[in-house]
Amino acid sequence: MCEERNELEEALSRMVGSLDTALVHGADAKVLVGFYARIERLALAGKSLCALRVAETGSFTEEGHRHVGEWLAAKTGESVGGAVSLLEAAGNLSKCPDVEEAFKKGELSASQAKRSPPRP
């Protein structure tokens, strides 16, 4: 998994680094916005689910953090409140398998995942 992750990160970095928007037609730019939005949603799902695992294992304390929300905020540059909200949303996903599946497929944004109510 590490090799694939590194290759993906390098490829995405090259794509964005070489992007010259002055040479991109409007229609192509629209396609790229959709492409990058999907990558963003997939990355959000991966980040959220892995952060939830960090919370479950308590490994955030190894870096001196007392709360996983503090750790996630420090790692991502988000506010502590935003990090906690994301963790809560990720924690609720297992209560609604359809929403969890859509989240993992990159079909939901952060705000959509946070708004999705857990099943009673």
PDB file of N, CA and C in Angstrom:
ATOM      1  N   MET A   1       0.818  -1.194   0.000  1.00  0.00           N
ATOM      2  CA  MET A   1       0.000   0.000   0.000  1.00  0.00           C
ATOM      3  C   MET A   1       0.866   1.265   0.000  1.00  0.00           C
ATOM      4  N   CYS A   2       2.003   1.228   0.692  1.00  0.00           N
ATOM      5  CA  CYS A   2       2.863   2.415   0.753  1.00  0.00           C
ATOM      6  C   CYS A   2       3.390   2.809  -0.621  1.00  0.00           C
ATOM      7  N   GLU A   3       3.763   1.799  -1.419  1.00  0.00           N
ATOM      8  CA  GLU A   3       4.288   2.098  -2.749  1.00  0.00           C
ATOM      9  C   GLU A   3       3.211   2.734  -3.623  1.00  0.00           C
ATOM     10  N   GLU A   4       2.007   2.180  -3.580  1.00  0.00           N
ATOM     11  CA  GLU A   4       0.907   2.757  -4.346  1.00  0.00           C
ATOM     12  C   GLU A   4       0.607   4.176  -3.892  1.00  0.00           C
ATOM     13  N   ARG A   5       0.609   4.388  -2.581  1.00  0.00           N
ATOM     14  CA  ARG A   5       0.333   5.723  -2.041  1.00  0.00           C
ATOM     15  C   ARG A   5       1.370   6.716  -2.531  1.00  0.00           C
ATOM     16  N   ASN A   6       2.643   6.327  -2.481  1.00  0.00           N
ATOM     17  CA  ASN A   6       3.708   7.222  -2.937  1.00  0.00           C
ATOM     18  C   ASN A   6       3.585   7.531  -4.426  1.00  0.00           C
ATOM     19  N   GLU A   7       3.282   6.507  -5.230  1.00  0.00           N
ATOM     20  CA  GLU A   7       3.121   6.711  -6.666  1.00  0.00           C
ATOM     21  C   GLU A   7       1.959   7.646  -6.971  1.00  0.00           C
ATOM     22  N   LEU A   8       0.847   7.449  -6.266  1.00  0.00           N
ATOM     23  CA  LEU A   8      -0.322   8.300  -6.472  1.00  0.00           C
ATOM     24  C   LEU A   8      -0.018   9.746  -6.091  1.00  0.00           C
ATOM     25  N   GLU A   9       0.629   9.916  -4.951  1.00  0.00           N
ATOM     26  CA  GLU A   9       0.961  11.271  -4.503  1.00  0.00           C
ATOM     27  C   GLU A   9       1.905  11.955  -5.484  1.00  0.00           C
ATOM     28  N   GLU A  10       2.901  11.218  -5.965  1.00  0.00           N
ATOM     29  CA  GLU A  10       3.842  11.790  -6.924  1.00  0.00           C
ATOM     30  C   GLU A  10       3.155  12.151  -8.235  1.00  0.00           C
ATOM     31  N   ALA A  11       2.275  11.273  -8.712  1.00  0.00           N
ATOM     32  CA  ALA A  11       1.571  11.543  -9.969  1.00  0.00           C
ATOM     33  C   ALA A  11       0.675  12.768  -9.836  1.00  0.00           C
ATOM     34  N   LEU A  12      -0.045  12.854  -8.741  1.00  0.00           N
ATOM     35  CA  LEU A  12      -0.927  14.005  -8.532  1.00  0.00           C
ATOM     36  C   LEU A  12      -0.114  15.287  -8.383  1.00  0.00           C
ATOM     37  N   SER A  13       0.995  15.195  -7.695  1.00  0.00           N
ATOM     38  CA  SER A  13       1.866  16.360  -7.536  1.00  0.00           C
ATOM     39  C   SER A  13       2.399  16.832  -8.888  1.00  0.00           C
ATOM     40  N   ARG A  14       2.778  15.887  -9.730  1.00  0.00           N
ATOM     41  CA  ARG A  14       3.261  16.245 -11.079  1.00  0.00           C
ATOM     42  C   ARG A  14       2.145  16.890 -11.897  1.00  0.00           C
ATOM     43  N   MET A  15       0.942  16.305 -11.822  1.00  0.00           N
ATOM     44  CA  MET A  15      -0.184  16.844 -12.594  1.00  0.00           C
ATOM     45  C   MET A  15      -0.491  18.280 -12.202  1.00  0.00           C
ATOM     46  N   VAL A  16      -0.577  18.512 -10.912  1.00  0.00           N
ATOM     47  CA  VAL A  16      -0.905  19.861 -10.442  1.00  0.00           C
ATOM     48  C   VAL A  16       0.264  20.804 -10.688  1.00  0.00           C
ATOM     49  N   GLY A  17       1.470  20.324 -10.467  1.00  0.00           N
ATOM     50  CA  GLY A  17       2.657  21.162 -10.672  1.00  0.00           C
ATOM     51  C   GLY A  17       2.841  21.605 -12.105  1.00  0.00           C
ATOM     52  N   SER A  18       2.427  20.773 -13.043  1.00  0.00           N
ATOM     53  CA  SER A  18       2.613  21.118 -14.458  1.00  0.00           C
ATOM     54  C   SER A  18       1.373  21.763 -15.070  1.00  0.00           C
ATOM     55  N   LEU A  19       0.358  21.980 -14.280  1.00  0.00           N
ATOM     56  CA  LEU A  19      -0.890  22.552 -14.788  1.00  0.00           C
ATOM     57  C   LEU A  19      -0.696  24.027 -15.157  1.00  0.00           C
ATOM     58  N   ASP A  20      -0.884  24.321 -16.397  1.00  0.00           N
ATOM     59  CA  ASP A  20      -0.829  25.703 -16.873  1.00  0.00           C
ATOM     60  C   ASP A  20      -2.234  26.056 -17.349  1.00  0.00           C
ATOM     61  N   THR A  21      -3.003  26.682 -16.496  1.00  0.00           N
ATOM     62  CA  THR A  21      -4.410  26.934 -16.801  1.00  0.00           C
ATOM     63  C   THR A  21      -4.604  27.856 -18.002  1.00  0.00           C
ATOM     64  N   ALA A  22      -3.593  28.624 -18.344  1.00  0.00           N
ATOM     65  CA  ALA A  22      -3.714  29.492 -19.514  1.00  0.00           C
ATOM     66  C   ALA A  22      -3.817  28.675 -20.802  1.00  0.00           C
ATOM     67  N   LEU A  23      -3.365  27.430 -20.761  1.00  0.00           N
ATOM     68  CA  LEU A  23      -3.393  26.563 -21.935  1.00  0.00           C
ATOM     69  C   LEU A  23      -4.578  25.601 -21.940  1.00  0.00           C
ATOM     70  N   VAL A  24      -5.414  25.673 -20.907  1.00  0.00           N
ATOM     71  CA  VAL A  24      -6.536  24.740 -20.779  1.00  0.00           C
ATOM     72  C   VAL A  24      -7.808  25.412 -21.287  1.00  0.00           C
ATOM     73  N   HIS A  25      -8.504  24.744 -22.206  1.00  0.00           N
ATOM     74  CA  HIS A  25      -9.789  25.250 -22.697  1.00  0.00           C
ATOM     75  C   HIS A  25     -10.812  25.204 -21.575  1.00  0.00           C
ATOM     76  N   GLY A  26     -11.814  26.059 -21.668  1.00  0.00           N
ATOM     77  CA  GLY A  26     -12.844  26.125 -20.637  1.00  0.00           C
ATOM     78  C   GLY A  26     -13.539  24.798 -20.386  1.00  0.00           C
ATOM     79  N   ALA A  27     -13.884  24.089 -21.455  1.00  0.00           N
ATOM     80  CA  ALA A  27     -14.560  22.796 -21.314  1.00  0.00           C
ATOM     81  C   ALA A  27     -13.662  21.786 -20.605  1.00  0.00           C
ATOM     82  N   ASP A  28     -12.378  21.815 -20.939  1.00  0.00           N
ATOM     83  CA  ASP A  28     -11.434  20.904 -20.281  1.00  0.00           C
ATOM     84  C   ASP A  28     -11.250  21.287 -18.815  1.00  0.00           C
ATOM     85  N   ALA A  29     -11.253  22.575 -18.526  1.00  0.00           N
ATOM     86  CA  ALA A  29     -11.126  23.032 -17.146  1.00  0.00           C
ATOM     87  C   ALA A  29     -12.309  22.541 -16.315  1.00  0.00           C
ATOM     88  N   LYS A  30     -13.495  22.538 -16.909  1.00  0.00           N
ATOM     89  CA  LYS A  30     -14.676  22.033 -16.197  1.00  0.00           C
ATOM     90  C   LYS A  30     -14.506  20.551 -15.867  1.00  0.00           C
ATOM     91  N   VAL A  31     -13.984  19.792 -16.796  1.00  0.00           N
ATOM     92  CA  VAL A  31     -13.738  18.368 -16.553  1.00  0.00           C
ATOM     93  C   VAL A  31     -12.718  18.196 -15.436  1.00  0.00           C
ATOM     94  N   LEU A  32     -11.671  18.996 -15.469  1.00  0.00           N
ATOM     95  CA  LEU A  32     -10.634  18.900 -14.435  1.00  0.00           C
ATOM     96  C   LEU A  32     -11.160  19.286 -13.056  1.00  0.00           C
ATOM     97  N   VAL A  33     -12.056  20.262 -12.990  1.00  0.00           N
ATOM     98  CA  VAL A  33     -12.663  20.623 -11.700  1.00  0.00           C
ATOM     99  C   VAL A  33     -13.388  19.409 -11.133  1.00  0.00           C
ATOM    100  N   GLY A  34     -14.149  18.713 -11.955  1.00  0.00           N
ATOM    101  CA  GLY A  34     -14.837  17.507 -11.510  1.00  0.00           C
ATOM    102  C   GLY A  34     -13.870  16.417 -11.074  1.00  0.00           C
ATOM    103  N   PHE A  35     -12.799  16.253 -11.837  1.00  0.00           N
ATOM    104  CA  PHE A  35     -11.767  15.270 -11.521  1.00  0.00           C
ATOM    105  C   PHE A  35     -11.134  15.554 -10.164  1.00  0.00           C
ATOM    106  N   TYR A  36     -10.719  16.806  -9.968  1.00  0.00           N
ATOM    107  CA  TYR A  36     -10.072  17.157  -8.698  1.00  0.00           C
ATOM    108  C   TYR A  36     -11.057  17.136  -7.525  1.00  0.00           C
ATOM    109  N   ALA A  37     -12.307  17.448  -7.776  1.00  0.00           N
ATOM    110  CA  ALA A  37     -13.317  17.372  -6.709  1.00  0.00           C
ATOM    111  C   ALA A  37     -13.497  15.921  -6.262  1.00  0.00           C
ATOM    112  N   ARG A  38     -13.495  15.007  -7.196  1.00  0.00           N
ATOM    113  CA  ARG A  38     -13.627  13.590  -6.839  1.00  0.00           C
ATOM    114  C   ARG A  38     -12.416  13.124  -6.048  1.00  0.00           C
ATOM    115  N   ILE A  39     -11.241  13.525  -6.460  1.00  0.00           N
ATOM    116  CA  ILE A  39     -10.027  13.171  -5.712  1.00  0.00           C
ATOM    117  C   ILE A  39     -10.110  13.741  -4.298  1.00  0.00           C
ATOM    118  N   GLU A  40     -10.590  14.962  -4.201  1.00  0.00           N
ATOM    119  CA  GLU A  40     -10.726  15.606  -2.894  1.00  0.00           C
ATOM    120  C   GLU A  40     -11.681  14.806  -1.997  1.00  0.00           C
ATOM    121  N   ARG A  41     -12.800  14.355  -2.557  1.00  0.00           N
ATOM    122  CA  ARG A  41     -13.776  13.584  -1.769  1.00  0.00           C
ATOM    123  C   ARG A  41     -13.206  12.221  -1.374  1.00  0.00           C
ATOM    124  N   LEU A  42     -12.492  11.577  -2.277  1.00  0.00           N
ATOM    125  CA  LEU A  42     -11.867  10.296  -1.942  1.00  0.00           C
ATOM    126  C   LEU A  42     -10.805  10.475  -0.860  1.00  0.00           C
ATOM    127  N   ALA A  43     -10.023  11.523  -0.981  1.00  0.00           N
ATOM    128  CA  ALA A  43      -9.005  11.795   0.032  1.00  0.00           C
ATOM    129  C   ALA A  43      -9.650  12.087   1.388  1.00  0.00           C
ATOM    130  N   LEU A  44     -10.751  12.818   1.368  1.00  0.00           N
ATOM    131  CA  LEU A  44     -11.484  13.100   2.598  1.00  0.00           C
ATOM    132  C   LEU A  44     -11.951  11.811   3.263  1.00  0.00           C
ATOM    133  N   ALA A  45     -12.477  10.887   2.470  1.00  0.00           N
ATOM    134  CA  ALA A  45     -12.944   9.618   3.019  1.00  0.00           C
ATOM    135  C   ALA A  45     -11.779   8.848   3.642  1.00  0.00           C
ATOM    136  N   GLY A  46     -10.684   8.768   2.925  1.00  0.00           N
ATOM    137  CA  GLY A  46      -9.512   8.070   3.462  1.00  0.00           C
ATOM    138  C   GLY A  46      -8.990   8.725   4.722  1.00  0.00           C
ATOM    139  N   LYS A  47      -8.890  10.041   4.700  1.00  0.00           N
ATOM    140  CA  LYS A  47      -8.413  10.778   5.876  1.00  0.00           C
ATOM    141  C   LYS A  47      -9.329  10.554   7.062  1.00  0.00           C
ATOM    142  N   SER A  48     -10.617  10.649   6.839  1.00  0.00           N
ATOM    143  CA  SER A  48     -11.594  10.521   7.924  1.00  0.00           C
ATOM    144  C   SER A  48     -11.568   9.130   8.543  1.00  0.00           C
ATOM    145  N   LEU A  49     -11.568   8.121   7.697  1.00  0.00           N
ATOM    146  CA  LEU A  49     -11.583   6.752   8.195  1.00  0.00           C
ATOM    147  C   LEU A  49     -10.284   6.401   8.923  1.00  0.00           C
ATOM    148  N   CYS A  50      -9.157   6.864   8.404  1.00  0.00           N
ATOM    149  CA  CYS A  50      -7.881   6.612   9.076  1.00  0.00           C
ATOM    150  C   CYS A  50      -7.782   7.401  10.378  1.00  0.00           C
ATOM    151  N   ALA A  51      -8.295   8.629  10.395  1.00  0.00           N
ATOM    152  CA  ALA A  51      -8.288   9.422  11.627  1.00  0.00           C
ATOM    153  C   ALA A  51      -9.156   8.763  12.697  1.00  0.00           C
ATOM    154  N   LEU A  52     -10.244   8.172  12.275  1.00  0.00           N
ATOM    155  CA  LEU A  52     -11.095   7.440  13.207  1.00  0.00           C
ATOM    156  C   LEU A  52     -10.327   6.263  13.807  1.00  0.00           C
ATOM    157  N   ARG A  53      -9.534   5.599  12.993  1.00  0.00           N
ATOM    158  CA  ARG A  53      -8.714   4.490  13.498  1.00  0.00           C
ATOM    159  C   ARG A  53      -7.655   4.995  14.464  1.00  0.00           C
ATOM    160  N   VAL A  54      -7.074   6.140  14.180  1.00  0.00           N
ATOM    161  CA  VAL A  54      -6.119   6.744  15.110  1.00  0.00           C
ATOM    162  C   VAL A  54      -6.809   6.991  16.455  1.00  0.00           C
ATOM    163  N   ALA A  55      -8.055   7.464  16.397  1.00  0.00           N
ATOM    164  CA  ALA A  55      -8.820   7.696  17.621  1.00  0.00           C
ATOM    165  C   ALA A  55      -9.059   6.391  18.371  1.00  0.00           C
ATOM    166  N   GLU A  56      -9.443   5.354  17.630  1.00  0.00           N
ATOM    167  CA  GLU A  56      -9.732   4.053  18.248  1.00  0.00           C
ATOM    168  C   GLU A  56      -8.504   3.448  18.920  1.00  0.00           C
ATOM    169  N   THR A  57      -7.347   3.631  18.316  1.00  0.00           N
ATOM    170  CA  THR A  57      -6.128   3.033  18.851  1.00  0.00           C
ATOM    171  C   THR A  57      -5.444   3.912  19.887  1.00  0.00           C
ATOM    172  N   GLY A  58      -5.806   5.197  19.920  1.00  0.00           N
ATOM    173  CA  GLY A  58      -5.173   6.120  20.859  1.00  0.00           C
ATOM    174  C   GLY A  58      -3.764   6.522  20.461  1.00  0.00           C
ATOM    175  N   SER A  59      -3.374   6.210  19.233  1.00  0.00           N
ATOM    176  CA  SER A  59      -1.990   6.496  18.829  1.00  0.00           C
ATOM    177  C   SER A  59      -1.678   7.983  18.724  1.00  0.00           C
ATOM    178  N   PHE A  60      -2.694   8.828  18.748  1.00  0.00           N
ATOM    179  CA  PHE A  60      -2.459  10.279  18.724  1.00  0.00           C
ATOM    180  C   PHE A  60      -1.698  10.737  19.963  1.00  0.00           C
ATOM    181  N   THR A  61      -1.784   9.982  21.052  1.00  0.00           N
ATOM    182  CA  THR A  61      -1.096  10.374  22.296  1.00  0.00           C
ATOM    183  C   THR A  61       0.418  10.245  22.174  1.00  0.00           C
ATOM    184  N   GLU A  62       0.879   9.445  21.218  1.00  0.00           N
ATOM    185  CA  GLU A  62       2.318   9.268  21.014  1.00  0.00           C
ATOM    186  C   GLU A  62       2.994  10.572  20.632  1.00  0.00           C
ATOM    187  N   GLU A  63       2.219  11.514  20.104  1.00  0.00           N
ATOM    188  CA  GLU A  63       2.761  12.815  19.708  1.00  0.00           C
ATOM    189  C   GLU A  63       2.433  13.887  20.739  1.00  0.00           C
ATOM    190  N   GLY A  64       1.978  13.451  21.910  1.00  0.00           N
ATOM    191  CA  GLY A  64       1.727  14.381  23.003  1.00  0.00           C
ATOM    192  C   GLY A  64       0.355  15.028  23.016  1.00  0.00           C
ATOM    193  N   HIS A  65      -0.524  14.592  22.151  1.00  0.00           N
ATOM    194  CA  HIS A  65      -1.869  15.174  22.114  1.00  0.00           C
ATOM    195  C   HIS A  65      -2.777  14.448  23.105  1.00  0.00           C
ATOM    196  N   ARG A  66      -3.634  15.216  23.751  1.00  0.00           N
ATOM    197  CA  ARG A  66      -4.569  14.636  24.716  1.00  0.00           C
ATOM    198  C   ARG A  66      -5.893  14.263  24.073  1.00  0.00           C
ATOM    199  N   HIS A  67      -6.186  14.829  22.932  1.00  0.00           N
ATOM    200  CA  HIS A  67      -7.453  14.575  22.253  1.00  0.00           C
ATOM    201  C   HIS A  67      -7.178  14.374  20.768  1.00  0.00           C
ATOM    202  N   VAL A  68      -7.874  13.413  20.179  1.00  0.00           N
ATOM    203  CA  VAL A  68      -7.657  13.123  18.761  1.00  0.00           C
ATOM    204  C   VAL A  68      -8.030  14.317  17.886  1.00  0.00           C
ATOM    205  N   GLY A  69      -9.000  15.117  18.314  1.00  0.00           N
ATOM    206  CA  GLY A  69      -9.366  16.301  17.553  1.00  0.00           C
ATOM    207  C   GLY A  69      -8.222  17.298  17.467  1.00  0.00           C
ATOM    208  N   GLU A  70      -7.480  17.444  18.570  1.00  0.00           N
ATOM    209  CA  GLU A  70      -6.295  18.318  18.565  1.00  0.00           C
ATOM    210  C   GLU A  70      -5.259  17.785  17.590  1.00  0.00           C
ATOM    211  N   TRP A  71      -5.032  16.477  17.642  1.00  0.00           N
ATOM    212  CA  TRP A  71      -4.050  15.851  16.762  1.00  0.00           C
ATOM    213  C   TRP A  71      -4.426  16.052  15.302  1.00  0.00           C
ATOM    214  N   LEU A  72      -5.694  15.769  14.973  1.00  0.00           N
ATOM    215  CA  LEU A  72      -6.135  15.892  13.585  1.00  0.00           C
ATOM    216  C   LEU A  72      -6.040  17.336  13.101  1.00  0.00           C
ATOM    217  N   ALA A  73      -6.401  18.271  13.957  1.00  0.00           N
ATOM    218  CA  ALA A  73      -6.296  19.680  13.593  1.00  0.00           C
ATOM    219  C   ALA A  73      -4.839  20.060  13.321  1.00  0.00           C
ATOM    220  N   ALA A  74      -3.950  19.581  14.156  1.00  0.00           N
ATOM    221  CA  ALA A  74      -2.529  19.878  13.970  1.00  0.00           C
ATOM    222  C   ALA A  74      -1.995  19.249  12.681  1.00  0.00           C
ATOM    223  N   LYS A  75      -2.445  18.044  12.359  1.00  0.00           N
ATOM    224  CA  LYS A  75      -1.993  17.339  11.155  1.00  0.00           C
ATOM    225  C   LYS A  75      -2.503  17.983   9.870  1.00  0.00           C
ATOM    226  N   THR A  76      -3.745  18.503   9.917  1.00  0.00           N
ATOM    227  CA  THR A  76      -4.404  18.947   8.692  1.00  0.00           C
ATOM    228  C   THR A  76      -4.511  20.454   8.529  1.00  0.00           C
ATOM    229  N   GLY A  77      -4.305  21.192   9.614  1.00  0.00           N
ATOM    230  CA  GLY A  77      -4.474  22.640   9.546  1.00  0.00           C
ATOM    231  C   GLY A  77      -5.919  23.076   9.704  1.00  0.00           C
ATOM    232  N   GLU A  78      -6.798  22.137   9.999  1.00  0.00           N
ATOM    233  CA  GLU A  78      -8.205  22.459  10.252  1.00  0.00           C
ATOM    234  C   GLU A  78      -8.340  23.011  11.667  1.00  0.00           C
ATOM    235  N   SER A  79      -9.512  23.564  11.951  1.00  0.00           N
ATOM    236  CA  SER A  79      -9.800  23.956  13.328  1.00  0.00           C
ATOM    237  C   SER A  79     -10.071  22.690  14.134  1.00  0.00           C
ATOM    238  N   VAL A  80      -9.906  22.772  15.438  1.00  0.00           N
ATOM    239  CA  VAL A  80     -10.202  21.632  16.299  1.00  0.00           C
ATOM    240  C   VAL A  80     -11.679  21.261  16.161  1.00  0.00           C
ATOM    241  N   GLY A  81     -12.556  22.268  16.124  1.00  0.00           N
ATOM    242  CA  GLY A  81     -13.985  22.007  15.965  1.00  0.00           C
ATOM    243  C   GLY A  81     -14.295  21.288  14.666  1.00  0.00           C
ATOM    244  N   GLY A  82     -13.665  21.704  13.586  1.00  0.00           N
ATOM    245  CA  GLY A  82     -13.871  21.048  12.294  1.00  0.00           C
ATOM    246  C   GLY A  82     -13.360  19.618  12.307  1.00  0.00           C
ATOM    247  N   ALA A  83     -12.221  19.406  12.962  1.00  0.00           N
ATOM    248  CA  ALA A  83     -11.657  18.064  13.056  1.00  0.00           C
ATOM    249  C   ALA A  83     -12.563  17.146  13.866  1.00  0.00           C
ATOM    250  N   VAL A  84     -13.059  17.653  14.978  1.00  0.00           N
ATOM    251  CA  VAL A  84     -13.959  16.861  15.827  1.00  0.00           C
ATOM    252  C   VAL A  84     -15.242  16.537  15.063  1.00  0.00           C
ATOM    253  N   SER A  85     -15.764  17.511  14.351  1.00  0.00           N
ATOM    254  CA  SER A  85     -16.979  17.301  13.562  1.00  0.00           C
ATOM    255  C   SER A  85     -16.770  16.217  12.509  1.00  0.00           C
ATOM    256  N   LEU A  86     -15.620  16.235  11.867  1.00  0.00           N
ATOM    257  CA  LEU A  86     -15.307  15.235  10.857  1.00  0.00           C
ATOM    258  C   LEU A  86     -15.194  13.849  11.484  1.00  0.00           C
ATOM    259  N   LEU A  87     -14.566  13.758  12.642  1.00  0.00           N
ATOM    260  CA  LEU A  87     -14.450  12.481  13.342  1.00  0.00           C
ATOM    261  C   LEU A  87     -15.811  11.946  13.757  1.00  0.00           C
ATOM    262  N   GLU A  88     -16.671  12.835  14.214  1.00  0.00           N
ATOM    263  CA  GLU A  88     -18.028  12.414  14.603  1.00  0.00           C
ATOM    264  C   GLU A  88     -18.785  11.883  13.390  1.00  0.00           C
ATOM    265  N   ALA A  89     -18.674  12.583  12.265  1.00  0.00           N
ATOM    266  CA  ALA A  89     -19.346  12.135  11.049  1.00  0.00           C
ATOM    267  C   ALA A  89     -18.811  10.777  10.613  1.00  0.00           C
ATOM    268  N   ALA A  90     -17.496  10.604  10.661  1.00  0.00           N
ATOM    269  CA  ALA A  90     -16.896   9.322  10.286  1.00  0.00           C
ATOM    270  C   ALA A  90     -17.361   8.213  11.219  1.00  0.00           C
ATOM    271  N   GLY A  91     -17.493   8.531  12.496  1.00  0.00           N
ATOM    272  CA  GLY A  91     -17.955   7.549  13.464  1.00  0.00           C
ATOM    273  C   GLY A  91     -19.386   7.121  13.231  1.00  0.00           C
ATOM    274  N   ASN A  92     -20.185   7.998  12.683  1.00  0.00           N
ATOM    275  CA  ASN A  92     -21.588   7.678  12.416  1.00  0.00           C
ATOM    276  C   ASN A  92     -21.786   6.861  11.144  1.00  0.00           C
ATOM    277  N   LEU A  93     -20.776   6.805  10.290  1.00  0.00           N
ATOM    278  CA  LEU A  93     -20.925   6.132   9.004  1.00  0.00           C
ATOM    279  C   LEU A  93     -21.282   4.656   9.149  1.00  0.00           C
ATOM    280  N   SER A  94     -20.708   3.988  10.132  1.00  0.00           N
ATOM    281  CA  SER A  94     -20.965   2.554  10.273  1.00  0.00           C
ATOM    282  C   SER A  94     -22.421   2.267  10.618  1.00  0.00           C
ATOM    283  N   LYS A  95     -23.139   3.283  11.077  1.00  0.00           N
ATOM    284  CA  LYS A  95     -24.555   3.115  11.421  1.00  0.00           C
ATOM    285  C   LYS A  95     -25.450   3.186  10.192  1.00  0.00           C
ATOM    286  N   CYS A  96     -24.884   3.603   9.075  1.00  0.00           N
ATOM    287  CA  CYS A  96     -25.660   3.732   7.836  1.00  0.00           C
ATOM    288  C   CYS A  96     -24.800   3.233   6.666  1.00  0.00           C
ATOM    289  N   PRO A  97     -24.829   1.932   6.403  1.00  0.00           N
ATOM    290  CA  PRO A  97     -23.953   1.348   5.383  1.00  0.00           C
ATOM    291  C   PRO A  97     -24.056   1.984   3.998  1.00  0.00           C
ATOM    292  N   ASP A  98     -25.246   2.424   3.602  1.00  0.00           N
ATOM    293  CA  ASP A  98     -25.388   3.051   2.282  1.00  0.00           C
ATOM    294  C   ASP A  98     -24.603   4.355   2.205  1.00  0.00           C
ATOM    295  N   VAL A  99     -24.675   5.136   3.277  1.00  0.00           N
ATOM    296  CA  VAL A  99     -23.939   6.399   3.320  1.00  0.00           C
ATOM    297  C   VAL A  99     -22.440   6.119   3.392  1.00  0.00           C
ATOM    298  N   GLU A 100     -22.064   5.124   4.190  1.00  0.00           N
ATOM    299  CA  GLU A 100     -20.650   4.763   4.302  1.00  0.00           C
ATOM    300  C   GLU A 100     -20.089   4.346   2.944  1.00  0.00           C
ATOM    301  N   GLU A 101     -20.835   3.559   2.201  1.00  0.00           N
ATOM    302  CA  GLU A 101     -20.394   3.120   0.881  1.00  0.00           C
ATOM    303  C   GLU A 101     -20.237   4.309  -0.070  1.00  0.00           C
ATOM    304  N   ALA A 102     -21.209   5.220  -0.062  1.00  0.00           N
ATOM    305  CA  ALA A 102     -21.136   6.408  -0.918  1.00  0.00           C
ATOM    306  C   ALA A 102     -19.936   7.275  -0.532  1.00  0.00           C
ATOM    307  N   PHE A 103     -19.674   7.378   0.761  1.00  0.00           N
ATOM    308  CA  PHE A 103     -18.543   8.161   1.258  1.00  0.00           C
ATOM    309  C   PHE A 103     -17.235   7.551   0.755  1.00  0.00           C
ATOM    310  N   LYS A 104     -17.098   6.240   0.881  1.00  0.00           N
ATOM    311  CA  LYS A 104     -15.875   5.561   0.452  1.00  0.00           C
ATOM    312  C   LYS A 104     -15.672   5.624  -1.059  1.00  0.00           C
ATOM    313  N   LYS A 105     -16.746   5.756  -1.811  1.00  0.00           N
ATOM    314  CA  LYS A 105     -16.650   5.862  -3.274  1.00  0.00           C
ATOM    315  C   LYS A 105     -16.354   7.285  -3.732  1.00  0.00           C
ATOM    316  N   GLY A 106     -16.299   8.230  -2.785  1.00  0.00           N
ATOM    317  CA  GLY A 106     -16.036   9.614  -3.150  1.00  0.00           C
ATOM    318  C   GLY A 106     -17.248  10.338  -3.685  1.00  0.00           C
ATOM    319  N   GLU A 107     -18.427   9.865  -3.313  1.00  0.00           N
ATOM    320  CA  GLU A 107     -19.662  10.477  -3.787  1.00  0.00           C
ATOM    321  C   GLU A 107     -20.198  11.552  -2.856  1.00  0.00           C
ATOM    322  N   LEU A 108     -19.594  11.705  -1.670  1.00  0.00           N
ATOM    323  CA  LEU A 108     -20.077  12.689  -0.699  1.00  0.00           C
ATOM    324  C   LEU A 108     -18.977  13.672  -0.332  1.00  0.00           C
ATOM    325  N   SER A 109     -19.354  14.930  -0.222  1.00  0.00           N
ATOM    326  CA  SER A 109     -18.432  15.951   0.272  1.00  0.00           C
ATOM    327  C   SER A 109     -18.414  15.885   1.792  1.00  0.00           C
ATOM    328  N   ALA A 110     -17.555  16.662   2.403  1.00  0.00           N
ATOM    329  CA  ALA A 110     -17.493  16.694   3.866  1.00  0.00           C
ATOM    330  C   ALA A 110     -18.816  17.152   4.453  1.00  0.00           C
ATOM    331  N   SER A 111     -19.390  18.198   3.891  1.00  0.00           N
ATOM    332  CA  SER A 111     -20.645  18.708   4.443  1.00  0.00           C
ATOM    333  C   SER A 111     -21.777  17.708   4.241  1.00  0.00           C
ATOM    334  N   GLN A 112     -21.782  16.982   3.138  1.00  0.00           N
ATOM    335  CA  GLN A 112     -22.806  15.965   2.927  1.00  0.00           C
ATOM    336  C   GLN A 112     -22.647  14.813   3.914  1.00  0.00           C
ATOM    337  N   ALA A 113     -21.420  14.409   4.164  1.00  0.00           N
ATOM    338  CA  ALA A 113     -21.180  13.323   5.117  1.00  0.00           C
ATOM    339  C   ALA A 113     -21.583  13.749   6.531  1.00  0.00           C
ATOM    340  N   LYS A 114     -21.314  14.992   6.871  1.00  0.00           N
ATOM    341  CA  LYS A 114     -21.666  15.479   8.207  1.00  0.00           C
ATOM    342  C   LYS A 114     -23.179  15.610   8.385  1.00  0.00           C
ATOM    343  N   ARG A 115     -23.881  15.910   7.302  1.00  0.00           N
ATOM    344  CA  ARG A 115     -25.332  16.072   7.379  1.00  0.00           C
ATOM    345  C   ARG A 115     -26.079  14.754   7.349  1.00  0.00           C
ATOM    346  N   SER A 116     -25.442  13.716   6.870  1.00  0.00           N
ATOM    347  CA  SER A 116     -26.122  12.427   6.742  1.00  0.00           C
ATOM    348  C   SER A 116     -26.448  11.882   8.119  1.00  0.00           C
ATOM    349  N   PRO A 117     -27.732  11.737   8.401  1.00  0.00           N
ATOM    350  CA  PRO A 117     -28.131  11.274   9.723  1.00  0.00           C
ATOM    351  C   PRO A 117     -27.868   9.792   9.899  1.00  0.00           C
ATOM    352  N   PRO A 118     -27.408   9.419  11.085  1.00  0.00           N
ATOM    353  CA  PRO A 118     -27.238   7.987  11.346  1.00  0.00           C
ATOM    354  C   PRO A 118     -28.608   7.328  11.468  1.00  0.00           C
ATOM    355  N   ARG A 119     -28.671   6.055  11.147  1.00  0.00           N
ATOM    356  CA  ARG A 119     -29.928   5.323  11.318  1.00  0.00           C
ATOM    357  C   ARG A 119     -30.223   5.148  12.794  1.00  0.00           C
ATOM    358  N   PRO A 120     -31.518   5.188  13.147  1.00  0.00           N
ATOM    359  CA  PRO A 120     -31.875   4.994  14.559  1.00  0.00           C
ATOM    360  C   PRO A 120     -31.570   3.580  15.018  1.00  0.00           C
TER     361      PRO A 120
END
